[in-house]
Amino acid sequence: MLYPASPEAATRFLKFVNASPTPFHAVHNAALRLEKAGFQKIREKDEWEKTIQPGGKYYFTRNQAALVAFTLPQKWKEGAGLSIVATHVDSPNLKVRPISKRSKSGYLQVGVETYGGGIWHSWLDRDLSVAGRVVIAEGNGSFRSQLIKVDRPILRIPTLAIHLDRNVNAEFKFNQETEFVPILGLINSELNGAASRPESDSDKEDKQPAKGPKVASSVQENHHAALLSLLASELSIAPEEIHDFELSLYDTQPATLGGINNEFIFSPRMDNLVSSFCAVEALAESVSSQTSTPLEGNVNCIALFNHEEIGSVSNSGAESSLLPSLLNRLSPTPSSLAQSITRSFLISADMGHSVHPNYTSKHEEKHRPLINGGVVIKTNAKQRYATDAISTFIVKQLIERKGGKVQEFETRNDMPCGSTVGPMLSKIGIRTVDVGNAMLSMHSIRETAGSHDVQSAIDLFSSFFEGFAELDKSLTVD
């Protein structure tokens, strides 16, 4: 075994995150895990309300970038509540521009756009590649969207040598438009070894007008031929069969366990693939560990959203119709829908901030979560988190049932507070709590979290799916 002393759940997470460089891959791998556990794929465009059955296990995806999965109790009927774990599968990254072809001073470069609030200097001098989805022609006028992941380093954003900038350690800043363009290769390699042209010519290369009429659906002139050839080779197709793509850059260094006792995970995209992985595992295990589904209670559900890092405003984001549509389709009358909402509960699961030993002053004195210290409950009086006393009580009760630990997080009054999908989903009327695992270096290309906290999150979600409906009956509020 590669990590004999490490938590088993953490090693499974490593496989998931290494195979999921983009939201498309994360959704695909989550679907494979659910199908292995017996979940059946349904499609939003179908009239599946007439085919789903009590005791069934189902999932659907939207635009390859979001996933909703749910299980129905044996005595399920309209008006039943939903026990939902909501996460997001996107992370700050660099996206290849629709017209990415760049060249300068003999180098082939690829134009990129920043996505989300990344710690961008952490992307410098890293071994980068591309992954995402490609629209390809299949013949007979049909097309399909296929996932791609180039498994070797092809791009790099080099820093400027200290000899050319002696102040780099005193004050390091760079222009994200002009000084943050990845290098793909050398121009003479694109020209099959021919002598490179003078710099003035290569600098003007991308400004030359296209020769002849351009086919509207062709992307051949928008990107370097070398890049298109590489993508085509990976997909075993001809370059001209590529009609569009949506690609992100990613760090090819695999996620790994670290620390003297393997107590850490060093990985990209842990915000928020840790929560997403744990939600999928808990739901899959909730049906795999039972001889039959529960007779009654809530519909257990997970929702993996896209675009949280940029505000969730898309058809696959948390502010989309994904959850409202599910609620309406399961409880189509106004009365049953209202009953379902009041019986529901949502855990918004997103990573949280561990206290940093070098920057302890950045934390409120009594709210300093520790890595591997258990689940963090996130509270904010201004409702940047949706937590309140009732939802906190419920989560603490669920954690206690599994023997877990709880930590509290609030920001300082003199610092702004981030947010999650929780507040926007609570607008539906569902009771909501915000939780997460503690981590360092959030939004860096390499983040740090706790290897033992992975199981802690799975345990909370499992306890939620097993016991929320019963716990809720014992609580009187209104």
Protein backbone atom coordinates (compact mmCIF):
# COMPACT_ATOMS: atom_id res chain seq x y z
CA MET A 1 0.00 0.00 0.00
CA LEU A 2 1.32 3.42 -0.93
CA TYR A 3 0.27 5.11 2.32
CA PRO A 4 0.08 2.34 4.96
CA ALA A 5 -0.45 4.72 7.89
CA SER A 6 -2.87 7.08 6.20
CA PRO A 7 -6.66 7.31 6.53
CA GLU A 8 -8.33 5.21 3.89
CA ALA A 9 -10.87 7.89 2.95
CA ALA A 10 -8.06 10.35 2.24
CA THR A 11 -6.33 7.98 -0.18
CA ARG A 12 -9.60 7.53 -2.05
CA PHE A 13 -9.94 11.29 -2.26
CA LEU A 14 -6.49 11.52 -3.86
CA LYS A 15 -7.65 9.31 -6.72
CA PHE A 16 -10.77 11.41 -7.17
CA VAL A 17 -9.05 14.80 -7.22
CA ASN A 18 -6.21 13.61 -9.46
CA ALA A 19 -8.79 12.36 -11.98
CA SER A 20 -10.86 15.57 -11.75
CA PRO A 21 -8.94 18.60 -13.08
CA THR A 22 -12.16 20.35 -14.16
CA PRO A 23 -15.82 20.44 -13.01
CA PHE A 24 -16.69 18.28 -16.04
CA HIS A 25 -14.35 15.54 -14.84
CA ALA A 26 -15.54 15.85 -11.24
CA VAL A 27 -19.16 15.40 -12.30
CA HIS A 28 -18.21 12.48 -14.55
CA ASN A 29 -16.29 10.71 -11.79
CA ALA A 30 -19.06 11.35 -9.26
CA ALA A 31 -21.55 9.79 -11.69
CA LEU A 32 -19.34 6.70 -12.09
CA ARG A 33 -19.21 6.28 -8.30
CA LEU A 34 -22.98 6.60 -8.00
CA GLU A 35 -23.62 4.15 -10.82
CA LYS A 36 -21.35 1.66 -9.08
CA ALA A 37 -23.60 2.03 -6.03
CA GLY A 38 -26.69 1.29 -8.11
CA PHE A 39 -27.92 4.78 -9.03
CA GLN A 40 -29.86 5.14 -12.26
CA LYS A 41 -29.28 8.09 -14.58
CA ILE A 42 -32.35 10.14 -15.51
CA ARG A 43 -32.51 13.18 -17.76
CA GLU A 44 -34.14 16.51 -17.02
CA LYS A 45 -35.73 16.61 -20.47
CA ASP A 46 -37.57 13.33 -19.83
CA GLU A 47 -40.83 12.91 -17.93
CA TRP A 48 -39.15 10.89 -15.20
CA GLU A 49 -41.79 11.72 -12.57
CA LYS A 50 -43.86 8.87 -14.02
CA THR A 51 -41.02 6.35 -13.86
CA ILE A 52 -39.23 6.91 -10.55
CA GLN A 53 -40.26 4.51 -7.81
CA PRO A 54 -40.23 4.59 -4.00
CA GLY A 55 -36.99 2.97 -2.86
CA GLY A 56 -35.21 4.07 -6.06
CA LYS A 57 -31.81 5.73 -6.49
CA TYR A 58 -31.39 8.35 -9.21
CA TYR A 59 -29.10 11.08 -10.50
CA PHE A 60 -29.03 13.61 -13.31
CA THR A 61 -26.48 16.08 -14.64
CA ARG A 62 -26.77 19.48 -16.28
CA ASN A 63 -24.39 20.74 -18.96
CA GLN A 64 -21.81 18.16 -17.79
CA ALA A 65 -20.96 20.58 -14.98
CA ALA A 66 -23.49 20.00 -12.18
CA LEU A 67 -24.99 16.87 -10.63
CA VAL A 68 -27.99 16.11 -8.44
CA ALA A 69 -28.53 12.66 -6.94
CA PHE A 70 -31.26 11.43 -4.62
CA THR A 71 -32.72 8.33 -2.99
CA LEU A 72 -36.40 7.79 -2.24
CA PRO A 73 -37.62 6.00 0.91
CA GLN A 74 -39.84 2.94 0.46
CA LYS A 75 -42.96 4.82 1.57
CA TRP A 76 -42.08 8.04 -0.21
CA LYS A 77 -44.91 10.33 -1.22
CA GLU A 78 -45.29 13.91 -2.40
CA GLY A 79 -44.57 16.46 0.30
CA ALA A 80 -41.65 14.56 1.80
CA GLY A 81 -38.70 16.69 2.86
CA LEU A 82 -35.24 16.60 1.31
CA SER A 83 -32.02 16.13 3.29
CA ILE A 84 -29.56 17.92 0.99
CA VAL A 85 -25.78 18.26 1.01
CA ALA A 86 -24.84 21.05 -1.41
CA THR A 87 -21.28 21.65 -2.63
CA HIS A 88 -19.50 23.10 -5.65
CA VAL A 89 -17.04 21.49 -8.07
CA ASP A 90 -15.31 24.55 -9.54
CA SER A 91 -12.06 26.13 -8.34
CA PRO A 92 -10.04 29.20 -9.37
CA ASN A 93 -8.08 28.45 -12.52
CA LEU A 94 -6.92 29.75 -15.87
CA LYS A 95 -9.19 29.21 -18.87
CA VAL A 96 -8.02 29.11 -22.47
CA ARG A 97 -9.46 32.08 -24.37
CA PRO A 98 -11.79 31.55 -27.38
CA ILE A 99 -9.00 33.03 -29.50
CA SER A 100 -5.87 31.84 -27.72
CA LYS A 101 -3.25 32.11 -30.45
CA ARG A 102 -0.33 34.21 -29.21
CA SER A 103 3.30 34.41 -30.25
CA LYS A 104 6.13 36.68 -29.20
CA SER A 105 9.93 36.70 -29.36
CA GLY A 106 10.05 33.24 -30.86
CA TYR A 107 7.68 31.64 -28.36
CA LEU A 108 4.29 30.06 -28.92
CA GLN A 109 1.94 31.28 -26.20
CA VAL A 110 -1.63 30.58 -25.19
CA GLY A 111 -4.01 33.36 -24.17
CA VAL A 112 -5.81 32.64 -20.90
CA GLU A 113 -8.43 34.33 -18.71
CA THR A 114 -8.42 34.21 -14.93
CA TYR A 115 -11.42 32.48 -13.34
CA GLY A 116 -12.35 33.16 -9.72
CA GLY A 117 -10.20 34.67 -7.00
CA GLY A 118 -7.03 32.68 -7.37
CA ILE A 119 -3.70 33.23 -5.67
CA TRP A 120 -2.23 33.77 -9.10
CA HIS A 121 1.45 33.96 -8.21
CA SER A 122 1.18 30.33 -7.10
CA TRP A 123 0.64 29.39 -10.77
CA LEU A 124 4.07 30.66 -11.80
CA ASP A 125 6.81 28.12 -12.57
CA ARG A 126 4.41 25.18 -12.37
CA ASP A 127 4.17 22.25 -14.79
CA LEU A 128 0.81 22.94 -16.41
CA SER A 129 -1.43 21.13 -18.84
CA VAL A 130 -4.99 21.44 -20.16
CA ALA A 131 -8.23 19.59 -19.51
CA GLY A 132 -11.90 20.14 -20.20
CA ARG A 133 -14.32 19.24 -22.98
CA VAL A 134 -14.16 19.32 -26.75
CA VAL A 135 -17.03 19.45 -29.25
CA ILE A 136 -16.15 17.02 -32.02
CA ALA A 137 -17.80 15.91 -35.24
CA GLU A 138 -18.92 12.29 -35.47
CA GLY A 139 -20.05 12.24 -39.06
CA ASN A 140 -23.53 12.30 -40.57
CA GLY A 141 -23.99 15.80 -39.23
CA SER A 142 -23.84 14.74 -35.57
CA PHE A 143 -21.59 16.13 -32.84
CA ARG A 144 -20.76 15.29 -29.25
CA SER A 145 -18.99 16.82 -26.27
CA GLN A 146 -16.09 14.68 -25.08
CA LEU A 147 -13.90 15.09 -22.02
CA ILE A 148 -10.17 15.49 -22.43
CA LYS A 149 -7.23 15.53 -20.03
CA VAL A 150 -3.71 15.92 -21.38
CA ASP A 151 -1.59 14.03 -18.85
CA ARG A 152 1.76 15.66 -19.49
CA PRO A 153 3.15 19.17 -18.90
CA ILE A 154 2.80 21.35 -21.99
CA LEU A 155 2.55 24.87 -20.55
CA ARG A 156 4.45 27.05 -18.13
CA ILE A 157 4.32 30.65 -16.91
CA PRO A 158 7.94 31.45 -16.06
CA THR A 159 8.90 34.10 -13.56
CA LEU A 160 11.44 36.79 -14.33
CA ALA A 161 14.95 35.99 -13.06
CA ILE A 162 15.97 37.83 -9.92
CA HIS A 163 18.97 39.22 -11.84
CA LEU A 164 16.51 41.20 -13.99
CA ASP A 165 14.36 42.33 -11.07
CA ARG A 166 16.32 42.79 -7.85
CA ASN A 167 13.21 43.99 -6.01
CA VAL A 168 11.21 40.85 -6.65
CA ASN A 169 11.42 39.67 -3.03
CA ALA A 170 10.52 43.08 -1.66
CA GLU A 171 7.38 43.73 -3.67
CA PHE A 172 6.25 41.16 -6.21
CA LYS A 173 3.48 42.28 -8.55
CA PHE A 174 2.69 41.38 -12.13
CA ASN A 175 0.16 42.31 -14.79
CA GLN A 176 -2.38 39.51 -15.22
CA GLU A 177 -2.97 40.42 -18.86
CA THR A 178 0.53 41.02 -20.24
CA GLU A 179 2.81 39.15 -17.83
CA PHE A 180 0.69 36.08 -17.17
CA VAL A 181 0.63 34.39 -20.59
CA PRO A 182 1.67 30.70 -20.62
CA ILE A 183 4.37 29.44 -22.96
CA LEU A 184 3.42 26.47 -25.12
CA GLY A 185 6.65 25.99 -27.05
CA LEU A 186 8.99 27.57 -29.58
CA ILE A 187 7.90 28.89 -32.93
CA ASN A 188 10.60 27.00 -34.80
CA SER A 189 9.27 23.72 -33.37
CA GLU A 190 5.89 24.59 -34.91
CA LEU A 191 7.68 25.20 -38.20
CA ASN A 192 9.22 21.70 -38.14
CA GLY A 193 12.68 22.94 -37.36
CA ALA A 194 12.76 25.78 -39.84
CA ALA A 195 14.70 28.86 -38.84
CA SER A 196 12.57 31.21 -36.79
CA ARG A 197 11.61 34.51 -38.34
CA PRO A 198 12.78 37.86 -36.98
CA GLU A 199 11.09 38.96 -33.80
CA SER A 200 9.22 41.76 -35.54
CA ASP A 201 7.55 39.23 -37.84
CA SER A 202 6.65 36.81 -35.07
CA ASP A 203 5.23 39.61 -32.96
CA LYS A 204 2.96 40.55 -35.85
CA GLU A 205 1.92 36.99 -36.61
CA ASP A 206 -1.36 37.08 -34.72
CA LYS A 207 -2.32 40.44 -36.23
CA GLN A 208 -2.34 39.21 -39.83
CA PRO A 209 -5.84 39.12 -41.35
CA ALA A 210 -7.27 35.72 -42.20
CA LYS A 211 -6.90 34.68 -45.83
CA GLY A 212 -10.18 33.96 -47.54
CA PRO A 213 -13.65 33.51 -46.00
CA LYS A 214 -13.78 31.89 -42.58
CA VAL A 215 -16.23 29.11 -41.78
CA ALA A 216 -18.25 30.30 -38.79
CA SER A 217 -18.02 26.99 -36.91
CA SER A 218 -14.28 26.55 -37.46
CA VAL A 219 -11.81 27.25 -34.65
CA GLN A 220 -8.73 26.35 -36.65
CA GLU A 221 -7.56 29.96 -37.03
CA ASN A 222 -8.19 30.83 -33.37
CA HIS A 223 -5.59 28.55 -31.83
CA HIS A 224 -2.09 27.34 -32.59
CA ALA A 225 -2.04 24.38 -34.96
CA ALA A 226 0.30 22.62 -32.53
CA LEU A 227 -2.28 22.84 -29.73
CA LEU A 228 -5.12 21.62 -31.95
CA SER A 229 -2.97 18.75 -33.19
CA LEU A 230 -2.20 17.72 -29.62
CA LEU A 231 -5.87 17.74 -28.66
CA ALA A 232 -6.78 15.79 -31.77
CA SER A 233 -4.09 13.23 -31.04
CA GLU A 234 -5.40 12.75 -27.50
CA LEU A 235 -8.90 12.15 -28.90
CA SER A 236 -7.73 10.05 -31.87
CA ILE A 237 -9.39 12.38 -34.37
CA ALA A 238 -8.27 14.82 -37.05
CA PRO A 239 -7.75 18.46 -35.98
CA GLU A 240 -10.46 19.69 -38.33
CA GLU A 241 -12.99 17.54 -36.44
CA ILE A 242 -12.60 19.86 -33.43
CA HIS A 243 -15.39 22.44 -33.57
CA ASP A 244 -15.01 24.07 -30.18
CA PHE A 245 -13.65 23.47 -26.72
CA GLU A 246 -13.73 24.66 -23.13
CA LEU A 247 -10.32 24.08 -21.58
CA SER A 248 -8.75 24.95 -18.25
CA LEU A 249 -5.13 24.81 -17.18
CA TYR A 250 -4.22 22.53 -14.29
CA ASP A 251 -1.12 21.56 -12.35
CA THR A 252 0.16 18.15 -13.42
CA GLN A 253 1.79 17.46 -10.03
CA PRO A 254 -0.46 14.84 -8.40
CA ALA A 255 -2.16 15.38 -5.08
CA THR A 256 -0.43 13.54 -2.26
CA LEU A 257 -0.38 12.94 1.46
CA GLY A 258 2.28 14.80 3.41
CA GLY A 259 3.50 15.75 6.84
CA ILE A 260 5.59 13.67 9.22
CA ASN A 261 2.64 11.34 9.90
CA ASN A 262 0.71 11.75 6.65
CA GLU A 263 -1.59 14.09 8.53
CA PHE A 264 -1.86 16.51 5.59
CA ILE A 265 -3.16 16.46 2.05
CA PHE A 266 -1.22 18.60 -0.43
CA SER A 267 -3.43 19.04 -3.45
CA PRO A 268 -5.06 21.39 -5.94
CA ARG A 269 -8.81 22.05 -5.98
CA MET A 270 -9.55 20.90 -2.42
CA ASP A 271 -11.83 23.92 -2.30
CA ASN A 272 -14.23 22.38 -2.97
CA LEU A 273 -13.64 18.85 -4.25
CA VAL A 274 -13.12 17.57 -0.69
CA SER A 275 -16.73 18.41 0.20
CA SER A 276 -17.99 17.11 -3.15
CA PHE A 277 -16.13 13.82 -2.78
CA CYS A 278 -17.39 13.35 0.78
CA ALA A 279 -21.00 14.06 -0.26
CA VAL A 280 -20.84 11.49 -3.06
CA GLU A 281 -19.22 8.89 -0.80
CA ALA A 282 -21.75 9.38 1.98
CA LEU A 283 -24.73 9.04 -0.36
CA ALA A 284 -23.23 6.01 -2.12
CA GLU A 285 -22.41 4.36 1.19
CA SER A 286 -25.87 5.13 2.57
CA VAL A 287 -27.41 2.74 0.04
CA SER A 288 -24.54 0.27 -0.21
CA SER A 289 -24.54 -0.42 3.54
CA GLN A 290 -28.27 -1.16 3.75
CA THR A 291 -30.15 -4.30 2.76
CA SER A 292 -33.07 -2.07 1.78
CA THR A 293 -33.78 1.62 1.63
CA PRO A 294 -35.51 3.24 4.65
CA LEU A 295 -39.27 2.77 4.89
CA GLU A 296 -39.96 6.45 5.50
CA GLY A 297 -38.29 9.78 6.13
CA ASN A 298 -36.70 12.35 3.89
CA VAL A 299 -35.40 12.08 0.35
CA ASN A 300 -31.62 12.01 0.72
CA CYS A 301 -29.98 14.28 -1.83
CA ILE A 302 -26.66 15.74 -2.92
CA ALA A 303 -26.21 18.73 -5.25
CA LEU A 304 -22.85 19.47 -6.85
CA PHE A 305 -22.94 22.93 -8.41
CA ASN A 306 -20.66 24.78 -10.80
CA HIS A 307 -19.55 28.45 -10.88
CA GLU A 308 -19.61 29.11 -7.12
CA GLU A 309 -16.27 30.88 -7.38
CA ILE A 310 -17.78 33.53 -9.67
CA GLY A 311 -21.17 34.00 -8.03
CA SER A 312 -23.15 30.85 -8.98
CA VAL A 313 -25.07 32.74 -11.68
CA SER A 314 -25.28 30.16 -14.46
CA ASN A 315 -27.59 27.35 -15.51
CA SER A 316 -25.40 24.94 -13.53
CA GLY A 317 -24.83 27.20 -10.53
CA ALA A 318 -26.58 27.25 -7.17
CA GLU A 319 -28.79 30.18 -8.21
CA SER A 320 -30.12 28.16 -11.14
CA SER A 321 -33.32 26.12 -11.25
CA LEU A 322 -31.59 22.86 -10.31
CA LEU A 323 -32.87 22.45 -6.75
CA PRO A 324 -36.19 24.33 -7.21
CA SER A 325 -36.90 22.14 -10.22
CA LEU A 326 -36.24 18.96 -8.25
CA LEU A 327 -38.46 20.12 -5.39
CA ASN A 328 -41.27 20.98 -7.81
CA ARG A 329 -41.04 17.72 -9.70
CA LEU A 330 -41.12 15.63 -6.53
CA SER A 331 -43.94 17.72 -4.99
CA PRO A 332 -45.82 19.35 -7.88
CA THR A 333 -48.77 20.90 -6.02
CA PRO A 334 -48.43 24.17 -4.07
CA SER A 335 -49.43 22.44 -0.84
CA SER A 336 -47.07 19.49 -1.19
CA LEU A 337 -44.22 21.78 -2.26
CA ALA A 338 -44.68 23.99 0.81
CA GLN A 339 -44.72 20.93 3.05
CA SER A 340 -41.58 19.56 1.40
CA ILE A 341 -39.67 22.81 1.90
CA THR A 342 -40.56 23.06 5.59
CA ARG A 343 -39.49 19.43 6.16
CA SER A 344 -36.20 19.88 4.33
CA PHE A 345 -32.72 20.75 5.59
CA LEU A 346 -29.62 21.73 3.64
CA ILE A 347 -25.98 21.39 4.61
CA SER A 348 -23.89 23.83 2.59
CA ALA A 349 -20.47 22.17 2.61
CA ASP A 350 -17.49 24.26 1.59
CA MET A 351 -13.92 24.36 2.84
CA GLY A 352 -13.04 26.66 5.75
CA HIS A 353 -9.97 28.49 6.99
CA SER A 354 -7.61 26.84 9.43
CA VAL A 355 -5.60 29.11 11.70
CA HIS A 356 -2.26 29.86 10.05
CA PRO A 357 0.72 29.60 12.45
CA ASN A 358 2.48 32.51 10.73
CA TYR A 359 -0.61 34.75 10.60
CA THR A 360 -2.59 34.06 13.76
CA SER A 361 -3.70 37.70 13.94
CA LYS A 362 -5.89 37.13 10.87
CA HIS A 363 -8.30 35.08 13.00
CA GLU A 364 -10.76 36.10 15.69
CA GLU A 365 -9.12 35.08 18.95
CA LYS A 366 -11.70 32.45 19.96
CA HIS A 367 -12.46 31.14 16.48
CA ARG A 368 -9.30 29.46 15.21
CA PRO A 369 -10.10 26.09 13.59
CA LEU A 370 -7.35 23.49 13.35
CA ILE A 371 -6.62 21.04 10.57
CA ASN A 372 -7.82 17.56 11.60
CA GLY A 373 -9.80 19.18 14.41
CA GLY A 374 -13.18 18.08 13.09
CA VAL A 375 -16.01 19.72 11.16
CA VAL A 376 -16.05 23.53 11.17
CA ILE A 377 -19.40 25.29 11.60
CA LYS A 378 -19.27 28.68 9.87
CA THR A 379 -21.32 31.57 11.24
CA ASN A 380 -21.70 35.19 10.17
CA ALA A 381 -24.12 37.72 11.65
CA LYS A 382 -24.42 39.44 8.26
CA GLN A 383 -25.62 36.15 6.74
CA ARG A 384 -22.63 35.58 4.50
CA TYR A 385 -23.13 32.11 5.93
CA ALA A 386 -26.67 30.79 6.44
CA THR A 387 -26.03 29.25 9.85
CA ASP A 388 -28.30 30.01 12.80
CA ALA A 389 -28.81 28.52 16.27
CA ILE A 390 -31.33 25.91 15.07
CA SER A 391 -29.22 24.64 12.18
CA THR A 392 -26.11 24.63 14.39
CA PHE A 393 -27.92 22.55 17.01
CA ILE A 394 -29.00 20.01 14.40
CA VAL A 395 -25.51 19.61 12.95
CA LYS A 396 -23.93 19.23 16.38
CA GLN A 397 -26.43 16.52 17.26
CA LEU A 398 -25.65 14.67 14.01
CA ILE A 399 -21.89 14.90 14.60
CA GLU A 400 -22.24 13.63 18.17
CA ARG A 401 -24.01 10.52 16.90
CA LYS A 402 -20.82 9.55 15.05
CA GLY A 403 -18.49 10.58 17.88
CA GLY A 404 -17.07 13.49 15.91
CA LYS A 405 -15.69 16.88 16.91
CA VAL A 406 -16.98 20.38 16.17
CA GLN A 407 -15.13 23.65 15.61
CA GLU A 408 -16.55 27.16 15.26
CA PHE A 409 -15.49 29.86 12.79
CA GLU A 410 -16.37 33.54 12.56
CA THR A 411 -14.36 36.27 10.89
CA ARG A 412 -12.93 39.29 12.68
CA ASN A 413 -15.05 42.45 12.66
CA ASP A 414 -12.31 44.30 10.78
CA MET A 415 -12.10 41.76 7.95
CA PRO A 416 -14.54 40.87 5.15
CA CYS A 417 -16.18 37.46 5.13
CA GLY A 418 -16.42 35.10 2.17
CA SER A 419 -19.61 33.25 1.31
CA THR A 420 -20.91 29.96 -0.05
CA VAL A 421 -23.91 28.49 -1.87
CA GLY A 422 -25.70 28.35 1.50
CA PRO A 423 -27.21 31.86 1.69
CA MET A 424 -28.51 31.79 -1.89
CA LEU A 425 -30.08 28.34 -1.46
CA SER A 426 -31.67 29.31 1.85
CA LYS A 427 -33.78 31.79 -0.15
CA ILE A 428 -35.84 28.80 -1.28
CA GLY A 429 -37.04 28.58 2.32
CA ILE A 430 -35.02 25.53 3.35
CA ARG A 431 -33.27 25.58 6.73
CA THR A 432 -29.54 25.77 6.05
CA VAL A 433 -26.22 25.45 7.83
CA ASP A 434 -22.72 26.20 6.54
CA VAL A 435 -19.95 23.77 7.41
CA GLY A 436 -16.54 22.79 6.05
CA ASN A 437 -13.14 21.29 6.70
CA ALA A 438 -10.26 23.46 7.86
CA MET A 439 -7.51 24.16 5.34
CA LEU A 440 -4.56 26.42 4.54
CA SER A 441 -3.69 28.26 1.32
CA MET A 442 -7.26 28.33 0.02
CA HIS A 443 -7.33 29.27 -3.70
CA SER A 444 -3.64 28.49 -4.19
CA ILE A 445 -2.68 26.07 -6.94
CA ARG A 446 -1.52 23.77 -4.08
CA GLU A 447 -3.66 23.79 -0.95
CA THR A 448 -3.22 22.04 2.41
CA ALA A 449 -5.91 20.19 4.37
CA GLY A 450 -6.18 17.38 6.91
CA SER A 451 -6.17 13.72 5.90
CA HIS A 452 -8.31 12.74 8.91
CA ASP A 453 -10.91 15.43 8.22
CA VAL A 454 -12.07 13.65 5.05
CA GLN A 455 -13.66 10.88 7.10
CA SER A 456 -15.08 13.44 9.54
CA ALA A 457 -17.06 15.07 6.73
CA ILE A 458 -18.25 11.70 5.38
CA ASP A 459 -19.40 10.77 8.89
CA LEU A 460 -21.42 13.98 9.25
CA PHE A 461 -23.15 13.51 5.90
CA SER A 462 -23.81 9.84 6.65
CA SER A 463 -25.33 10.74 10.02
CA PHE A 464 -27.43 13.37 8.24
CA PHE A 465 -28.81 10.89 5.72
CA GLU A 466 -29.44 8.29 8.41
CA GLY A 467 -30.97 10.34 11.17
CA PHE A 468 -32.09 13.86 10.27
CA ALA A 469 -35.81 13.11 9.81
CA GLU A 470 -36.02 11.41 13.20
CA LEU A 471 -34.06 14.19 14.91
CA ASP A 472 -36.24 16.84 13.30
CA LYS A 473 -39.37 15.28 14.82
CA SER A 474 -37.93 15.84 18.31
CA LEU A 475 -37.35 19.57 17.73
CA THR A 476 -40.07 22.19 18.15
CA VAL A 477 -39.45 25.66 16.74
CA ASP A 478 -42.61 27.16 15.20
